[in-house]
Amino acid sequence: MRKKVLGFFLILLLIIVPVLVLGLKKVERGEIGVKTRLFPVTGKKGIEQKALNPGLYLILPVAEKLDIFPGRIQKLELTSVPGRGDRPGNDNVDIQTSDGTTIYVDATLLYRVAPSGAPRLLSSLGHDFLRRKVRPEFIAVLKYKLGELNAEGFYNAEERESKAKEAMAEFNRRLKSNGIEAVQLLIRDFHYQPEYEKAIEDRKLADQTALLNKSRSASSKAAAEVARIQAMGKAMAKVEAARGDAEAKKIRADARLYLELKQAKADQLIQTAKAKGDALIAKAMAGPGGQRIVALEMVDVLKGLDKIVVQSGGKQGVNPLDLKSLLKLTGVEK
């Protein structure tokens, strides 16, 4: 009995150990895992809808399997540069514009498998999603959206970038159900058919030449206008300077005239005052006071005489002791 139990555990161990060894699977960093149950041993048969993050997982041999998808951003490049694109040789995209012109475009798509979209990708496209869906849809949306531009529109960077954004949005709309999303869509380069490209270059050169001539003409006109304004400014400055000189001369003449008038008026007032003073003096001298002043002045004159002879008898006689008769003698009093 004991040998049977021991044998049973030995057989069980021989089964479990290989299962553990063979069944341990690792999802590396930058990868997304999807588990599929081939037989309903540990759950419902089919693809498990929850993606597996990096780590170790037990996948039962035969009963389950693990699919690994890249989780990092991937690049799809369509270009005419040899050895650089998705396929060898010329691999750019020919776009038919709205005006019937063929334009060859080099474009790059940066895309990735959405972290939660790997189970949908496995059920819809499998591992061949690049060839089956990503590449065809990328080319299709480029032709669709860039084809809405005309040939001239490709020279307008803003219009071109706007259509590139619309193309990326259309790509995401088409592949959302497959668990794939675009990160960036870039228009690297584009060129026309040689003869059409030369015609456009000639036209652009003619337009630039006309614009240059127009700019030169406008510059000449502007220079002439500046010279005219400067000449006008100088002339106005001279006029204003002459006007200022004339005004200054007039002010100085007015000032001199004003001073002369004031001086004449002052002289007139002085002469009038002097005449009035002389008249008052003459009037004063004509009266008794004036005679006394003369007598006093005579006294000053007589001060210098040692002797004076006067008649003392008769009608004309003068008594020296009689002041009144002396005044009469000198004519001060009558």
C-alpha atoms as a PDB file:
ATOM      1  CA  MET A   1       0.000   0.000   0.000  1.00  0.00           C
ATOM      2  CA  ARG A   2       2.757   2.344   0.969  1.00  0.00           C
ATOM      3  CA  LYS A   3       4.604   1.552  -2.244  1.00  0.00           C
ATOM      4  CA  LYS A   4       1.503   2.380  -4.296  1.00  0.00           C
ATOM      5  CA  VAL A   5       1.092   5.808  -2.635  1.00  0.00           C
ATOM      6  CA  LEU A   6       4.756   6.527  -3.103  1.00  0.00           C
ATOM      7  CA  GLY A   7       4.530   5.508  -6.741  1.00  0.00           C
ATOM      8  CA  PHE A   8       1.468   7.703  -7.259  1.00  0.00           C
ATOM      9  CA  PHE A   9       3.241  10.773  -5.862  1.00  0.00           C
ATOM     10  CA  LEU A  10       6.288   9.993  -7.931  1.00  0.00           C
ATOM     11  CA  ILE A  11       4.212   9.834 -11.101  1.00  0.00           C
ATOM     12  CA  LEU A  12       2.392  13.044 -10.118  1.00  0.00           C
ATOM     13  CA  LEU A  13       5.722  14.765  -9.510  1.00  0.00           C
ATOM     14  CA  LEU A  14       7.006  13.610 -12.861  1.00  0.00           C
ATOM     15  CA  ILE A  15       3.954  15.189 -14.468  1.00  0.00           C
ATOM     16  CA  ILE A  16       3.881  18.455 -12.474  1.00  0.00           C
ATOM     17  CA  VAL A  17       7.588  19.298 -12.775  1.00  0.00           C
ATOM     18  CA  PRO A  18       7.660  19.229 -16.581  1.00  0.00           C
ATOM     19  CA  VAL A  19       4.408  21.169 -16.653  1.00  0.00           C
ATOM     20  CA  LEU A  20       5.893  23.840 -14.425  1.00  0.00           C
ATOM     21  CA  VAL A  21       9.133  23.926 -16.359  1.00  0.00           C
ATOM     22  CA  LEU A  22       7.521  24.004 -19.759  1.00  0.00           C
ATOM     23  CA  GLY A  23       4.519  26.060 -18.714  1.00  0.00           C
ATOM     24  CA  LEU A  24       6.292  29.073 -17.185  1.00  0.00           C
ATOM     25  CA  LYS A  25       6.298  31.805 -19.837  1.00  0.00           C
ATOM     26  CA  LYS A  26       7.727  35.307 -19.553  1.00  0.00           C
ATOM     27  CA  VAL A  27       6.380  38.518 -21.061  1.00  0.00           C
ATOM     28  CA  GLU A  28       9.343  40.837 -21.491  1.00  0.00           C
ATOM     29  CA  ARG A  29       9.385  44.613 -21.041  1.00  0.00           C
ATOM     30  CA  GLY A  30       8.008  46.343 -24.123  1.00  0.00           C
ATOM     31  CA  GLU A  31       5.785  43.344 -24.929  1.00  0.00           C
ATOM     32  CA  ILE A  32       2.093  42.560 -24.533  1.00  0.00           C
ATOM     33  CA  GLY A  33       0.919  39.014 -23.851  1.00  0.00           C
ATOM     34  CA  VAL A  34      -2.380  37.381 -24.826  1.00  0.00           C
ATOM     35  CA  LYS A  35      -3.416  33.991 -23.416  1.00  0.00           C
ATOM     36  CA  THR A  36      -5.668  31.621 -25.317  1.00  0.00           C
ATOM     37  CA  ARG A  37      -7.362  28.583 -23.759  1.00  0.00           C
ATOM     38  CA  LEU A  38      -7.375  25.734 -26.244  1.00  0.00           C
ATOM     39  CA  PHE A  39      -9.331  23.508 -23.903  1.00  0.00           C
ATOM     40  CA  PRO A  40     -11.654  24.660 -21.104  1.00  0.00           C
ATOM     41  CA  VAL A  41      -9.393  23.352 -18.342  1.00  0.00           C
ATOM     42  CA  THR A  42      -8.884  26.552 -16.329  1.00  0.00           C
ATOM     43  CA  GLY A  43     -11.745  28.572 -17.766  1.00  0.00           C
ATOM     44  CA  LYS A  44     -13.811  29.313 -20.832  1.00  0.00           C
ATOM     45  CA  LYS A  45     -12.291  28.292 -24.110  1.00  0.00           C
ATOM     46  CA  GLY A  46     -10.993  31.088 -26.342  1.00  0.00           C
ATOM     47  CA  ILE A  47      -8.915  34.267 -26.197  1.00  0.00           C
ATOM     48  CA  GLU A  48      -8.659  35.897 -22.772  1.00  0.00           C
ATOM     49  CA  GLN A  49      -9.720  39.523 -23.174  1.00  0.00           C
ATOM     50  CA  LYS A  50      -7.344  40.886 -20.563  1.00  0.00           C
ATOM     51  CA  ALA A  51      -3.851  41.542 -21.926  1.00  0.00           C
ATOM     52  CA  LEU A  52      -0.853  40.339 -19.913  1.00  0.00           C
ATOM     53  CA  ASN A  53       1.700  42.884 -18.726  1.00  0.00           C
ATOM     54  CA  PRO A  54       5.422  42.056 -18.461  1.00  0.00           C
ATOM     55  CA  GLY A  55       6.044  39.210 -15.962  1.00  0.00           C
ATOM     56  CA  LEU A  56       6.022  35.403 -15.470  1.00  0.00           C
ATOM     57  CA  TYR A  57       2.864  33.403 -16.234  1.00  0.00           C
ATOM     58  CA  LEU A  58       1.904  29.727 -16.046  1.00  0.00           C
ATOM     59  CA  ILE A  59       0.637  28.550 -19.419  1.00  0.00           C
ATOM     60  CA  LEU A  60      -0.546  24.963 -19.344  1.00  0.00           C
ATOM     61  CA  PRO A  61       1.063  23.007 -22.159  1.00  0.00           C
ATOM     62  CA  VAL A  62      -1.373  21.772 -24.789  1.00  0.00           C
ATOM     63  CA  ALA A  63      -4.341  23.318 -22.926  1.00  0.00           C
ATOM     64  CA  GLU A  64      -3.230  26.972 -23.263  1.00  0.00           C
ATOM     65  CA  LYS A  65      -0.957  29.100 -25.427  1.00  0.00           C
ATOM     66  CA  LEU A  66       0.634  32.569 -25.129  1.00  0.00           C
ATOM     67  CA  ASP A  67       0.917  35.082 -27.988  1.00  0.00           C
ATOM     68  CA  ILE A  68       3.380  37.986 -27.724  1.00  0.00           C
ATOM     69  CA  PHE A  69       2.860  41.347 -29.482  1.00  0.00           C
ATOM     70  CA  PRO A  70       5.253  44.312 -29.573  1.00  0.00           C
ATOM     71  CA  GLY A  71       4.224  47.021 -27.139  1.00  0.00           C
ATOM     72  CA  ARG A  72       6.704  49.690 -28.242  1.00  0.00           C
ATOM     73  CA  ILE A  73       6.140  52.281 -30.968  1.00  0.00           C
ATOM     74  CA  GLN A  74       6.838  50.889 -34.435  1.00  0.00           C
ATOM     75  CA  LYS A  75       7.651  52.630 -37.699  1.00  0.00           C
ATOM     76  CA  LEU A  76       6.316  52.098 -41.189  1.00  0.00           C
ATOM     77  CA  GLU A  77       8.175  54.131 -43.795  1.00  0.00           C
ATOM     78  CA  LEU A  78       7.130  54.505 -47.414  1.00  0.00           C
ATOM     79  CA  THR A  79       9.962  56.150 -49.313  1.00  0.00           C
ATOM     80  CA  SER A  80      11.854  56.249 -52.587  1.00  0.00           C
ATOM     81  CA  VAL A  81      15.211  56.042 -50.756  1.00  0.00           C
ATOM     82  CA  PRO A  82      16.657  52.556 -51.377  1.00  0.00           C
ATOM     83  CA  GLY A  83      17.077  50.335 -48.325  1.00  0.00           C
ATOM     84  CA  ARG A  84      15.249  52.689 -45.992  1.00  0.00           C
ATOM     85  CA  GLY A  85      11.579  51.933 -46.451  1.00  0.00           C
ATOM     86  CA  ASP A  86       9.303  49.042 -45.585  1.00  0.00           C
ATOM     87  CA  ARG A  87      10.223  47.339 -48.841  1.00  0.00           C
ATOM     88  CA  PRO A  88      13.345  47.409 -51.016  1.00  0.00           C
ATOM     89  CA  GLY A  89      13.419  49.768 -53.984  1.00  0.00           C
ATOM     90  CA  ASN A  90      11.068  52.640 -54.663  1.00  0.00           C
ATOM     91  CA  ASP A  91       8.256  52.393 -52.117  1.00  0.00           C
ATOM     92  CA  ASN A  92       6.741  55.889 -52.046  1.00  0.00           C
ATOM     93  CA  VAL A  93       3.036  56.645 -52.559  1.00  0.00           C
ATOM     94  CA  ASP A  94       1.635  58.195 -55.728  1.00  0.00           C
ATOM     95  CA  ILE A  95      -1.154  60.670 -54.912  1.00  0.00           C
ATOM     96  CA  GLN A  96      -3.695  61.770 -57.490  1.00  0.00           C
ATOM     97  CA  THR A  97      -4.624  65.350 -56.595  1.00  0.00           C
ATOM     98  CA  SER A  98      -8.020  66.964 -57.067  1.00  0.00           C
ATOM     99  CA  ASP A  99      -6.824  68.668 -60.287  1.00  0.00           C
ATOM    100  CA  GLY A 100      -5.491  65.429 -61.792  1.00  0.00           C
ATOM    101  CA  THR A 101      -1.795  65.872 -61.013  1.00  0.00           C
ATOM    102  CA  THR A 102       0.309  62.932 -59.817  1.00  0.00           C
ATOM    103  CA  ILE A 103       2.507  63.658 -56.811  1.00  0.00           C
ATOM    104  CA  TYR A 104       4.925  61.170 -55.269  1.00  0.00           C
ATOM    105  CA  VAL A 105       5.022  61.301 -51.474  1.00  0.00           C
ATOM    106  CA  ASP A 106       7.498  59.904 -48.932  1.00  0.00           C
ATOM    107  CA  ALA A 107       5.625  59.340 -45.656  1.00  0.00           C
ATOM    108  CA  THR A 108       6.255  57.766 -42.241  1.00  0.00           C
ATOM    109  CA  LEU A 109       3.729  56.252 -39.841  1.00  0.00           C
ATOM    110  CA  LEU A 110       4.537  55.794 -36.159  1.00  0.00           C
ATOM    111  CA  TYR A 111       2.056  53.352 -34.622  1.00  0.00           C
ATOM    112  CA  ARG A 112       1.678  50.850 -31.833  1.00  0.00           C
ATOM    113  CA  VAL A 113      -0.498  48.057 -30.532  1.00  0.00           C
ATOM    114  CA  ALA A 114      -2.777  49.555 -27.899  1.00  0.00           C
ATOM    115  CA  PRO A 115      -2.058  47.984 -24.459  1.00  0.00           C
ATOM    116  CA  SER A 116      -5.663  46.841 -24.105  1.00  0.00           C
ATOM    117  CA  GLY A 117      -6.090  46.116 -27.822  1.00  0.00           C
ATOM    118  CA  ALA A 118      -3.793  43.094 -28.212  1.00  0.00           C
ATOM    119  CA  PRO A 119      -6.610  40.534 -27.667  1.00  0.00           C
ATOM    120  CA  ARG A 120      -8.695  42.245 -30.395  1.00  0.00           C
ATOM    121  CA  LEU A 121      -5.677  42.303 -32.691  1.00  0.00           C
ATOM    122  CA  LEU A 122      -5.101  38.563 -32.168  1.00  0.00           C
ATOM    123  CA  SER A 123      -8.742  37.698 -32.873  1.00  0.00           C
ATOM    124  CA  SER A 124      -9.062  39.963 -35.948  1.00  0.00           C
ATOM    125  CA  LEU A 125      -5.714  40.033 -37.738  1.00  0.00           C
ATOM    126  CA  GLY A 126      -3.215  37.852 -35.900  1.00  0.00           C
ATOM    127  CA  HIS A 127       0.491  38.489 -36.149  1.00  0.00           C
ATOM    128  CA  ASP A 128       0.436  39.483 -39.810  1.00  0.00           C
ATOM    129  CA  PHE A 129      -1.321  42.785 -39.024  1.00  0.00           C
ATOM    130  CA  LEU A 130       1.308  44.939 -40.748  1.00  0.00           C
ATOM    131  CA  ARG A 131       0.844  43.372 -44.183  1.00  0.00           C
ATOM    132  CA  ARG A 132      -2.863  42.690 -43.856  1.00  0.00           C
ATOM    133  CA  LYS A 133      -4.085  45.990 -42.377  1.00  0.00           C
ATOM    134  CA  VAL A 134      -1.558  48.631 -41.286  1.00  0.00           C
ATOM    135  CA  ARG A 135       0.243  49.125 -44.600  1.00  0.00           C
ATOM    136  CA  PRO A 136      -2.848  49.027 -46.883  1.00  0.00           C
ATOM    137  CA  GLU A 137      -4.827  51.395 -44.656  1.00  0.00           C
ATOM    138  CA  PHE A 138      -1.881  53.802 -44.337  1.00  0.00           C
ATOM    139  CA  ILE A 139      -1.584  54.048 -48.130  1.00  0.00           C
ATOM    140  CA  ALA A 140      -5.365  54.336 -48.484  1.00  0.00           C
ATOM    141  CA  VAL A 141      -5.777  57.240 -46.052  1.00  0.00           C
ATOM    142  CA  LEU A 142      -2.830  59.077 -47.656  1.00  0.00           C
ATOM    143  CA  LYS A 143      -4.414  58.809 -51.096  1.00  0.00           C
ATOM    144  CA  TYR A 144      -7.808  59.791 -49.700  1.00  0.00           C
ATOM    145  CA  LYS A 145      -6.888  62.863 -47.645  1.00  0.00           C
ATOM    146  CA  LEU A 146      -3.882  64.207 -49.560  1.00  0.00           C
ATOM    147  CA  GLY A 147      -5.820  63.701 -52.791  1.00  0.00           C
ATOM    148  CA  GLU A 148      -8.218  66.424 -51.621  1.00  0.00           C
ATOM    149  CA  LEU A 149      -5.450  68.987 -52.187  1.00  0.00           C
ATOM    150  CA  ASN A 150      -4.622  70.430 -55.591  1.00  0.00           C
ATOM    151  CA  ALA A 151      -1.083  70.520 -56.948  1.00  0.00           C
ATOM    152  CA  GLU A 152      -0.451  74.044 -55.693  1.00  0.00           C
ATOM    153  CA  GLY A 153      -1.746  73.132 -52.243  1.00  0.00           C
ATOM    154  CA  PHE A 154       1.226  70.846 -51.653  1.00  0.00           C
ATOM    155  CA  TYR A 155       3.442  73.923 -51.586  1.00  0.00           C
ATOM    156  CA  ASN A 156       1.404  75.306 -48.706  1.00  0.00           C
ATOM    157  CA  ALA A 157       2.893  73.752 -45.557  1.00  0.00           C
ATOM    158  CA  GLU A 158      -0.136  74.571 -43.390  1.00  0.00           C
ATOM    159  CA  GLU A 159      -2.603  72.926 -45.800  1.00  0.00           C
ATOM    160  CA  ARG A 160      -0.360  69.898 -46.198  1.00  0.00           C
ATOM    161  CA  GLU A 161       0.062  69.398 -42.439  1.00  0.00           C
ATOM    162  CA  SER A 162      -3.650  69.846 -41.898  1.00  0.00           C
ATOM    163  CA  LYS A 163      -4.408  67.026 -44.346  1.00  0.00           C
ATOM    164  CA  ALA A 164      -1.751  64.843 -42.690  1.00  0.00           C
ATOM    165  CA  LYS A 165      -3.555  65.245 -39.346  1.00  0.00           C
ATOM    166  CA  GLU A 166      -6.856  64.357 -40.987  1.00  0.00           C
ATOM    167  CA  ALA A 167      -5.236  61.248 -42.504  1.00  0.00           C
ATOM    168  CA  MET A 168      -3.969  60.126 -39.069  1.00  0.00           C
ATOM    169  CA  ALA A 169      -7.432  60.599 -37.548  1.00  0.00           C
ATOM    170  CA  GLU A 170      -8.950  58.553 -40.383  1.00  0.00           C
ATOM    171  CA  PHE A 171      -6.346  55.801 -39.865  1.00  0.00           C
ATOM    172  CA  ASN A 172      -7.185  55.577 -36.149  1.00  0.00           C
ATOM    173  CA  ARG A 173     -10.890  55.422 -36.933  1.00  0.00           C
ATOM    174  CA  ARG A 174     -10.367  52.506 -39.314  1.00  0.00           C
ATOM    175  CA  LEU A 175      -8.026  50.444 -37.080  1.00  0.00           C
ATOM    176  CA  LYS A 176      -9.507  51.141 -33.656  1.00  0.00           C
ATOM    177  CA  SER A 177     -11.451  47.896 -33.700  1.00  0.00           C
ATOM    178  CA  ASN A 178      -8.224  45.993 -34.420  1.00  0.00           C
ATOM    179  CA  GLY A 179      -6.412  47.392 -31.375  1.00  0.00           C
ATOM    180  CA  ILE A 180      -3.900  49.484 -33.355  1.00  0.00           C
ATOM    181  CA  GLU A 181      -3.427  53.245 -32.997  1.00  0.00           C
ATOM    182  CA  ALA A 182      -1.342  55.824 -34.878  1.00  0.00           C
ATOM    183  CA  VAL A 183       1.011  58.001 -32.822  1.00  0.00           C
ATOM    184  CA  GLN A 184       2.267  60.284 -35.598  1.00  0.00           C
ATOM    185  CA  LEU A 185       1.928  60.612 -39.362  1.00  0.00           C
ATOM    186  CA  LEU A 186       4.687  62.532 -41.152  1.00  0.00           C
ATOM    187  CA  ILE A 187       5.008  63.755 -44.743  1.00  0.00           C
ATOM    188  CA  ARG A 188       8.763  63.492 -45.277  1.00  0.00           C
ATOM    189  CA  ASP A 189       9.059  64.641 -48.881  1.00  0.00           C
ATOM    190  CA  PHE A 190       7.107  64.988 -52.118  1.00  0.00           C
ATOM    191  CA  HIS A 191       7.834  65.711 -55.734  1.00  0.00           C
ATOM    192  CA  TYR A 192       5.930  66.104 -58.984  1.00  0.00           C
ATOM    193  CA  GLN A 193       6.532  64.605 -62.377  1.00  0.00           C
ATOM    194  CA  PRO A 194       9.704  66.219 -63.793  1.00  0.00           C
ATOM    195  CA  GLU A 195       8.013  68.306 -66.490  1.00  0.00           C
ATOM    196  CA  TYR A 196       5.296  69.547 -64.146  1.00  0.00           C
ATOM    197  CA  GLU A 197       7.811  70.312 -61.407  1.00  0.00           C
ATOM    198  CA  LYS A 198       9.878  72.404 -63.834  1.00  0.00           C
ATOM    199  CA  ALA A 199       6.779  74.320 -64.924  1.00  0.00           C
ATOM    200  CA  ILE A 200       5.932  75.076 -61.292  1.00  0.00           C
ATOM    201  CA  GLU A 201       9.506  76.132 -60.560  1.00  0.00           C
ATOM    202  CA  ASP A 202       9.464  78.455 -63.594  1.00  0.00           C
ATOM    203  CA  ARG A 203       6.164  79.926 -62.461  1.00  0.00           C
ATOM    204  CA  LYS A 204       7.384  80.369 -58.909  1.00  0.00           C
ATOM    205  CA  LEU A 205      10.541  82.021 -60.215  1.00  0.00           C
ATOM    206  CA  ALA A 206       8.473  84.393 -62.348  1.00  0.00           C
ATOM    207  CA  ASP A 207       6.226  85.186 -59.377  1.00  0.00           C
ATOM    208  CA  GLN A 208       9.248  85.836 -57.171  1.00  0.00           C
ATOM    209  CA  THR A 209      10.822  88.059 -59.828  1.00  0.00           C
ATOM    210  CA  ALA A 210       7.593  90.050 -60.166  1.00  0.00           C
ATOM    211  CA  LEU A 211       7.354  90.316 -56.395  1.00  0.00           C
ATOM    212  CA  LEU A 212      10.991  91.467 -56.208  1.00  0.00           C
ATOM    213  CA  ASN A 213      10.393  94.123 -58.884  1.00  0.00           C
ATOM    214  CA  LYS A 214       7.262  95.216 -57.069  1.00  0.00           C
ATOM    215  CA  SER A 215       9.191  95.441 -53.827  1.00  0.00           C
ATOM    216  CA  ARG A 216      11.922  97.457 -55.509  1.00  0.00           C
ATOM    217  CA  SER A 217       9.336  99.811 -57.013  1.00  0.00           C
ATOM    218  CA  ALA A 218       7.637 100.201 -53.664  1.00  0.00           C
ATOM    219  CA  SER A 219      11.030 100.797 -52.065  1.00  0.00           C
ATOM    220  CA  SER A 220      11.853 103.505 -54.639  1.00  0.00           C
ATOM    221  CA  LYS A 221       8.493 105.173 -54.068  1.00  0.00           C
ATOM    222  CA  ALA A 222       9.016 105.022 -50.344  1.00  0.00           C
ATOM    223  CA  ALA A 223      12.493 106.532 -50.698  1.00  0.00           C
ATOM    224  CA  ALA A 224      11.122 109.332 -52.916  1.00  0.00           C
ATOM    225  CA  GLU A 225       8.364 109.995 -50.405  1.00  0.00           C
ATOM    226  CA  VAL A 226      10.906 110.125 -47.583  1.00  0.00           C
ATOM    227  CA  ALA A 227      13.054 112.578 -49.592  1.00  0.00           C
ATOM    228  CA  ARG A 228       9.990 114.713 -50.326  1.00  0.00           C
ATOM    229  CA  ILE A 229       8.983 114.788 -46.682  1.00  0.00           C
ATOM    230  CA  GLN A 230      12.548 115.648 -45.647  1.00  0.00           C
ATOM    231  CA  ALA A 231      12.727 118.501 -48.213  1.00  0.00           C
ATOM    232  CA  MET A 232       9.331 119.751 -47.079  1.00  0.00           C
ATOM    233  CA  GLY A 233      10.498 119.605 -43.491  1.00  0.00           C
ATOM    234  CA  LYS A 234      13.640 121.594 -44.282  1.00  0.00           C
ATOM    235  CA  ALA A 235      11.629 124.211 -46.227  1.00  0.00           C
ATOM    236  CA  MET A 236       9.117 124.521 -43.404  1.00  0.00           C
ATOM    237  CA  ALA A 237      11.986 124.850 -40.942  1.00  0.00           C
ATOM    238  CA  LYS A 238      13.457 127.711 -42.990  1.00  0.00           C
ATOM    239  CA  VAL A 239      10.058 129.416 -43.237  1.00  0.00           C
ATOM    240  CA  GLU A 240       9.529 129.082 -39.511  1.00  0.00           C
ATOM    241  CA  ALA A 241      13.052 130.371 -38.842  1.00  0.00           C
ATOM    242  CA  ALA A 242      12.473 133.404 -41.100  1.00  0.00           C
ATOM    243  CA  ARG A 243       9.098 133.959 -39.485  1.00  0.00           C
ATOM    244  CA  GLY A 244      10.751 133.779 -36.087  1.00  0.00           C
ATOM    245  CA  ASP A 245      13.424 136.309 -37.095  1.00  0.00           C
ATOM    246  CA  ALA A 246      10.784 138.696 -38.465  1.00  0.00           C
ATOM    247  CA  GLU A 247       8.703 138.284 -35.331  1.00  0.00           C
ATOM    248  CA  ALA A 248      11.781 138.914 -33.179  1.00  0.00           C
ATOM    249  CA  LYS A 249      12.641 142.053 -35.178  1.00  0.00           C
ATOM    250  CA  LYS A 250       9.073 143.286 -34.867  1.00  0.00           C
ATOM    251  CA  ILE A 251       9.116 142.666 -31.133  1.00  0.00           C
ATOM    252  CA  ARG A 252      12.448 144.493 -30.782  1.00  0.00           C
ATOM    253  CA  ALA A 253      11.134 147.439 -32.921  1.00  0.00           C
ATOM    254  CA  ASP A 254       7.962 147.581 -30.860  1.00  0.00           C
ATOM    255  CA  ALA A 255      10.052 147.553 -27.708  1.00  0.00           C
ATOM    256  CA  ARG A 256      12.231 150.419 -28.938  1.00  0.00           C
ATOM    257  CA  LEU A 257       9.184 152.425 -30.014  1.00  0.00           C
ATOM    258  CA  TYR A 258       7.561 151.760 -26.668  1.00  0.00           C
ATOM    259  CA  LEU A 259      10.685 152.934 -24.837  1.00  0.00           C
ATOM    260  CA  GLU A 260      10.969 156.026 -27.029  1.00  0.00           C
ATOM    261  CA  LEU A 261       7.315 156.919 -26.417  1.00  0.00           C
ATOM    262  CA  LYS A 262       7.741 156.424 -22.706  1.00  0.00           C
ATOM    263  CA  GLN A 263      10.947 158.500 -22.716  1.00  0.00           C
ATOM    264  CA  ALA A 264       9.289 161.311 -24.707  1.00  0.00           C
ATOM    265  CA  LYS A 265       6.353 161.286 -22.344  1.00  0.00           C
ATOM    266  CA  ALA A 266       8.699 161.406 -19.372  1.00  0.00           C
ATOM    267  CA  ASP A 267      10.637 164.307 -20.945  1.00  0.00           C
ATOM    268  CA  GLN A 268       7.366 166.091 -21.597  1.00  0.00           C
ATOM    269  CA  LEU A 269       6.300 165.618 -18.000  1.00  0.00           C
ATOM    270  CA  ILE A 270       9.663 166.878 -16.794  1.00  0.00           C
ATOM    271  CA  GLN A 271       9.483 169.969 -19.043  1.00  0.00           C
ATOM    272  CA  THR A 272       5.904 170.642 -17.944  1.00  0.00           C
ATOM    273  CA  ALA A 273       6.874 170.311 -14.293  1.00  0.00           C
ATOM    274  CA  LYS A 274       9.893 172.543 -14.825  1.00  0.00           C
ATOM    275  CA  ALA A 275       7.799 175.210 -16.607  1.00  0.00           C
ATOM    276  CA  LYS A 276       5.266 175.093 -13.804  1.00  0.00           C
ATOM    277  CA  GLY A 277       8.064 175.410 -11.282  1.00  0.00           C
ATOM    278  CA  ASP A 278       9.610 178.386 -13.114  1.00  0.00           C
ATOM    279  CA  ALA A 279       6.227 180.059 -13.288  1.00  0.00           C
ATOM    280  CA  LEU A 280       5.678 179.559  -9.588  1.00  0.00           C
ATOM    281  CA  ILE A 281       9.148 180.888  -8.844  1.00  0.00           C
ATOM    282  CA  ALA A 282       8.562 183.914 -11.057  1.00  0.00           C
ATOM    283  CA  LYS A 283       5.241 184.536  -9.383  1.00  0.00           C
ATOM    284  CA  ALA A 284       6.814 184.174  -5.971  1.00  0.00           C
ATOM    285  CA  MET A 285       9.665 186.480  -6.840  1.00  0.00           C
ATOM    286  CA  ALA A 286       7.232 189.136  -8.049  1.00  0.00           C
ATOM    287  CA  GLY A 287       5.716 189.472  -4.571  1.00  0.00           C
ATOM    288  CA  PRO A 288       7.108 190.769  -1.265  1.00  0.00           C
ATOM    289  CA  GLY A 289       8.748 187.518  -0.529  1.00  0.00           C
ATOM    290  CA  GLY A 290      10.774 187.789  -3.716  1.00  0.00           C
ATOM    291  CA  GLN A 291      11.883 191.324  -2.884  1.00  0.00           C
ATOM    292  CA  ARG A 292      13.029 190.153   0.529  1.00  0.00           C
ATOM    293  CA  ILE A 293      14.990 187.329  -1.074  1.00  0.00           C
ATOM    294  CA  VAL A 294      16.673 189.917  -3.364  1.00  0.00           C
ATOM    295  CA  ALA A 295      17.382 192.136  -0.370  1.00  0.00           C
ATOM    296  CA  LEU A 296      18.881 189.232   1.484  1.00  0.00           C
ATOM    297  CA  GLU A 297      20.976 188.423  -1.538  1.00  0.00           C
ATOM    298  CA  MET A 298      22.009 192.144  -1.591  1.00  0.00           C
ATOM    299  CA  VAL A 299      22.968 191.843   2.013  1.00  0.00           C
ATOM    300  CA  ASP A 300      25.193 188.925   1.056  1.00  0.00           C
ATOM    301  CA  VAL A 301      26.673 191.115  -1.649  1.00  0.00           C
ATOM    302  CA  LEU A 302      27.197 194.031   0.751  1.00  0.00           C
ATOM    303  CA  LYS A 303      28.944 191.771   3.192  1.00  0.00           C
ATOM    304  CA  GLY A 304      32.052 192.074   1.139  1.00  0.00           C
ATOM    305  CA  LEU A 305      32.127 195.946   1.307  1.00  0.00           C
ATOM    306  CA  ASP A 306      34.009 197.751   4.014  1.00  0.00           C
ATOM    307  CA  LYS A 307      32.187 201.082   3.453  1.00  0.00           C
ATOM    308  CA  ILE A 308      29.049 202.291   1.726  1.00  0.00           C
ATOM    309  CA  VAL A 309      28.180 205.921   1.069  1.00  0.00           C
ATOM    310  CA  VAL A 310      24.550 206.904   1.240  1.00  0.00           C
ATOM    311  CA  GLN A 311      22.862 210.293   1.187  1.00  0.00           C
ATOM    312  CA  SER A 312      21.643 211.181   4.629  1.00  0.00           C
ATOM    313  CA  GLY A 313      19.964 214.586   3.975  1.00  0.00           C
ATOM    314  CA  GLY A 314      17.171 215.785   1.710  1.00  0.00           C
ATOM    315  CA  LYS A 315      14.451 213.741   0.121  1.00  0.00           C
ATOM    316  CA  GLN A 316      16.807 211.073  -0.948  1.00  0.00           C
ATOM    317  CA  GLY A 317      18.491 210.865   2.415  1.00  0.00           C
ATOM    318  CA  VAL A 318      18.707 207.522   4.164  1.00  0.00           C
ATOM    319  CA  ASN A 319      19.016 206.873   7.800  1.00  0.00           C
ATOM    320  CA  PRO A 320      21.281 203.854   8.196  1.00  0.00           C
ATOM    321  CA  LEU A 321      19.595 203.018  11.429  1.00  0.00           C
ATOM    322  CA  ASP A 322      16.209 202.985   9.735  1.00  0.00           C
ATOM    323  CA  LEU A 323      15.688 199.490   8.323  1.00  0.00           C
ATOM    324  CA  LYS A 324      12.594 200.476   6.417  1.00  0.00           C
ATOM    325  CA  SER A 325      14.396 203.303   4.600  1.00  0.00           C
ATOM    326  CA  LEU A 326      17.196 200.874   3.730  1.00  0.00           C
ATOM    327  CA  LEU A 327      14.682 198.492   2.282  1.00  0.00           C
ATOM    328  CA  LYS A 328      13.277 201.303   0.209  1.00  0.00           C
ATOM    329  CA  LEU A 329      16.768 202.246  -0.872  1.00  0.00           C
ATOM    330  CA  THR A 330      17.443 198.696  -2.059  1.00  0.00           C
ATOM    331  CA  GLY A 331      14.004 198.488  -3.682  1.00  0.00           C
ATOM    332  CA  VAL A 332      12.744 195.787  -1.438  1.00  0.00           C
ATOM    333  CA  GLU A 333       9.859 197.944  -0.258  1.00  0.00           C
ATOM    334  CA  LYS A 334       8.286 200.940  -1.877  1.00  0.00           C
END
